[in-house]
Protein backbone atom coordinates (compact mmCIF):
# COMPACT_ATOMS: atom_id res chain seq x y z
CA MET A 1 43.49 -24.73 -20.34
CA ALA A 2 40.56 -26.60 -21.50
CA ALA A 3 39.46 -27.08 -17.99
CA LYS A 4 39.54 -23.53 -17.02
CA LYS A 5 37.61 -22.88 -20.10
CA ILE A 6 34.87 -25.88 -19.01
CA ARG A 7 34.61 -24.41 -15.91
CA ILE A 8 33.82 -20.78 -16.81
CA ILE A 9 31.98 -21.57 -19.50
CA LYS A 10 29.24 -24.11 -16.75
CA ALA A 11 30.04 -20.64 -14.66
CA ALA A 12 28.05 -19.07 -17.49
CA ALA A 13 25.59 -21.09 -17.54
CA ALA A 14 24.64 -21.43 -14.30
CA VAL A 15 24.27 -18.15 -14.36
CA SER A 16 22.30 -17.45 -17.15
CA LEU A 17 19.75 -20.28 -15.84
CA LEU A 18 19.68 -18.21 -12.58
CA VAL A 19 18.39 -15.19 -14.38
CA ALA A 20 16.33 -17.05 -16.11
CA LEU A 21 14.41 -18.40 -13.58
CA SER A 22 14.46 -14.82 -11.72
CA SER A 23 12.88 -13.41 -14.63
CA CYS A 24 10.13 -15.86 -15.38
CA GLY A 25 8.97 -15.72 -11.31
CA LEU A 26 10.00 -19.16 -9.98
CA VAL A 27 11.93 -17.48 -7.46
CA SER A 28 9.33 -15.62 -6.32
CA ARG A 29 8.67 -17.76 -3.60
CA TYR A 30 12.31 -17.36 -2.17
CA ARG A 31 12.08 -13.01 -2.00
CA LEU A 32 8.91 -12.54 0.22
CA ASP A 33 9.17 -8.98 1.00
CA LEU A 34 6.36 -6.62 1.97
CA PHE A 35 6.16 -3.15 1.92
CA VAL A 36 4.08 -0.16 3.52
CA SER A 37 4.03 3.11 2.71
CA SER A 38 2.22 5.93 3.75
CA GLY A 39 2.78 9.52 2.30
CA ASP A 40 6.26 9.53 1.19
CA THR A 41 7.78 6.90 3.12
CA HIS A 42 8.06 3.09 1.78
CA LYS A 43 9.29 0.47 4.12
CA LYS A 44 9.51 -3.34 4.00
CA VAL A 45 7.83 -4.98 6.98
CA ALA A 46 8.99 -7.76 9.18
CA VAL A 47 6.00 -10.39 9.29
CA GLU A 48 6.28 -11.49 12.61
CA HIS A 49 3.46 -14.08 12.57
CA THR A 50 0.84 -15.57 10.52
CA GLN A 51 -2.18 -17.34 11.32
CA PHE A 52 -4.60 -19.39 9.31
CA VAL A 53 -7.95 -19.99 10.40
CA LYS A 54 -9.99 -22.49 8.65
CA ASP A 55 -14.00 -22.66 8.26
CA ALA A 56 -14.15 -18.56 9.34
CA VAL A 57 -15.30 -15.78 7.47
CA LEU A 58 -14.46 -11.95 8.13
CA GLY A 59 -16.80 -10.49 10.51
CA ASP A 60 -17.72 -7.09 11.33
CA PRO A 61 -14.73 -4.76 11.06
CA TYR A 62 -15.52 -2.89 14.33
CA GLY A 63 -16.88 -5.14 16.49
CA GLU A 64 -15.46 -7.46 18.81
CA SER A 65 -15.49 -10.75 16.64
CA LYS A 66 -12.96 -9.61 13.17
CA MET A 67 -14.13 -13.42 12.37
CA VAL A 68 -16.83 -15.63 12.48
CA THR A 69 -17.68 -19.46 12.13
CA GLY A 70 -17.96 -19.35 7.68
CA GLU A 71 -17.50 -20.83 4.96
CA GLY A 72 -14.17 -20.29 3.85
CA HIS A 73 -10.87 -19.47 5.17
CA VAL A 74 -8.67 -16.04 6.67
CA ALA A 75 -5.30 -15.35 6.60
CA VAL A 76 -4.39 -12.83 8.87
CA VAL A 77 -1.34 -11.49 9.49
CA THR A 78 0.69 -9.51 11.53
CA VAL A 79 3.70 -6.73 10.41
CA GLY A 80 5.45 -4.65 11.63
CA THR A 81 8.29 -1.75 11.58
CA ARG A 82 10.18 1.20 12.84
CA TRP A 83 8.76 4.78 11.95
CA ASP A 84 11.24 7.48 12.30
CA SER A 85 9.67 10.91 12.71
CA GLN A 86 12.64 11.97 10.40
CA GLU A 87 11.73 10.05 7.63
CA SER A 88 8.34 11.76 6.83
CA LYS A 89 6.68 14.30 8.34
CA ARG A 90 3.09 13.27 6.74
CA PHE A 91 2.80 10.36 8.43
CA THR A 92 -0.51 11.12 10.55
CA LEU A 93 -0.58 7.95 12.85
CA LEU A 94 2.60 8.76 14.79
CA GLY A 95 4.28 11.97 15.65
CA PHE A 96 6.81 9.94 17.34
CA ASP A 97 10.09 7.12 17.16
CA GLN A 98 7.86 4.34 17.44
CA TYR A 99 7.37 0.58 16.53
CA TRP A 100 4.17 0.03 14.78
CA ARG A 101 2.25 -2.84 14.25
CA CYS A 102 -0.87 -4.00 12.70
CA ARG A 103 -2.44 -7.19 11.53
CA ILE A 104 -3.84 -7.57 7.92
CA TYR A 105 -7.12 -9.72 7.43
CA LEU A 106 -7.51 -11.39 4.06
CA GLN A 107 -10.83 -13.21 3.37
CA LEU A 108 -9.81 -16.88 1.37
CA SER A 109 -12.42 -18.93 -0.80
CA ALA A 110 -13.10 -22.08 0.42
CA ASP A 111 -11.55 -24.24 -2.64
CA LEU A 112 -8.25 -21.96 -1.37
CA GLY A 113 -7.28 -22.25 -5.49
CA ALA A 114 -4.99 -19.80 -7.02
CA GLY A 115 -6.44 -16.38 -8.67
CA ARG A 116 -6.57 -12.67 -7.67
CA VAL A 117 -9.29 -11.58 -5.29
CA SER A 118 -10.23 -7.36 -5.26
CA LEU A 119 -9.96 -6.34 -2.05
CA GLU A 120 -13.37 -4.83 -1.44
CA ASN A 121 -15.51 -6.61 1.10
CA THR A 122 -12.68 -9.44 1.46
CA SER A 123 -10.16 -7.39 3.76
CA PHE A 124 -8.87 -5.11 6.12
CA LEU A 125 -6.64 -4.12 8.49
CA GLN A 126 -6.04 -3.36 12.23
CA LEU A 127 -3.84 -0.96 13.95
CA MET A 128 -2.44 -2.46 17.13
CA GLU A 129 -1.26 -0.78 20.92
CA HIS A 130 -1.47 2.92 20.12
CA TYR A 131 -4.02 2.98 22.85
CA GLN A 132 -4.26 7.02 22.49
CA LEU A 133 -6.45 6.28 19.77
CA GLN A 134 -10.26 5.15 19.29
CA PRO A 135 -10.89 1.78 18.27
CA ASP A 136 -12.59 2.69 15.64
CA GLN A 137 -9.12 5.07 14.15
CA LYS A 138 -7.43 1.60 14.37
CA ILE A 139 -9.62 -0.04 11.72
CA PHE A 140 -8.48 0.25 7.82
CA LEU A 141 -10.82 -0.31 5.10
CA PRO A 142 -9.33 -1.22 1.56
CA VAL A 143 -10.12 1.94 -1.46
CA THR A 144 -8.54 -0.45 -4.12
CA GLY A 145 -6.39 -3.16 -4.53
CA PHE A 146 -6.27 -6.87 -4.66
CA PHE A 147 -4.12 -9.78 -3.37
CA ASP A 148 -3.38 -12.76 -5.44
CA VAL A 149 -3.18 -16.67 -3.85
CA ASP A 150 -0.14 -17.37 -5.95
CA SER A 151 0.38 -21.03 -4.93
CA VAL A 152 -1.07 -23.41 -2.52
CA THR A 153 1.13 -26.43 -1.05
CA SER A 154 0.21 -28.83 1.55
CA ASP A 155 2.09 -26.45 3.80
CA TRP A 156 2.31 -23.11 2.38
CA LEU A 157 -0.25 -20.40 0.59
CA PHE A 158 1.53 -18.34 -1.03
CA VAL A 159 0.21 -14.67 -1.28
CA THR A 160 0.98 -11.49 -3.00
CA MET A 161 -0.63 -8.40 -2.47
CA ASP A 162 -1.10 -4.47 -3.91
CA GLY A 163 -3.91 -2.48 -1.97
CA SER A 164 -4.19 0.80 0.03
CA TYR A 165 -6.50 1.25 2.84
CA ARG A 166 -8.16 4.15 4.48
CA ASN A 167 -9.51 4.73 8.36
CA ARG A 168 -12.35 6.71 9.27
CA ASP A 169 -10.02 10.16 10.08
CA ASP A 170 -9.02 9.43 5.71
CA ASN A 171 -5.53 8.14 7.09
CA ALA A 172 -3.93 6.21 4.87
CA VAL A 173 -1.50 2.99 4.21
CA LYS A 174 -0.58 0.54 1.16
CA PHE A 175 1.11 -2.58 1.13
CA ASP A 176 2.36 -4.01 -1.37
CA GLY A 177 4.38 -7.04 -1.65
CA ALA A 178 4.16 -10.93 -1.33
CA PHE A 179 4.15 -13.57 2.07
CA LYS A 180 3.74 -16.55 3.07
CA VAL A 181 0.98 -18.42 5.45
CA LYS A 182 1.34 -21.86 6.97
CA VAL A 183 -1.66 -23.81 6.35
CA SER A 184 -0.97 -27.08 7.99
CA GLU A 185 -1.22 -27.40 11.37
């Protein structure tokens, strides 16, 4: 009977520790979900690919070179999801069921320290494919928001973001959540 009580106490202590760690944010590295919103739809996106470009800065979003050589680094995150036309009538970029993919470009400082950065002048996103759109319709500039470099290890950069973007036609998307980018080769 005493052995059973000890097992119950150990199990309760383990659950309490897990809850405490979760509430402190220490588990956040293992729960990296990124979401996109447009109109009344909020969806989880799949992070398909990340790229860490050393010694680079953002170029002209509307130009050929999205990145140029400079003092800093750029994180490029390719994400995608399937938009279902039944989910939202307000998503104006697509009028039918289609896979939606974009690249998020984030300008990072040369020292790669943790901290918060405003999205203004440090980010843009590019809608991929959708050849029916003009090139400038596929570029979205930040309207509001930030990204946080939560931590940097020898292999990974952990980022949290919350920001809204608009293209020249006033179509809007919002990203919120977290992801990681491999910084070592």
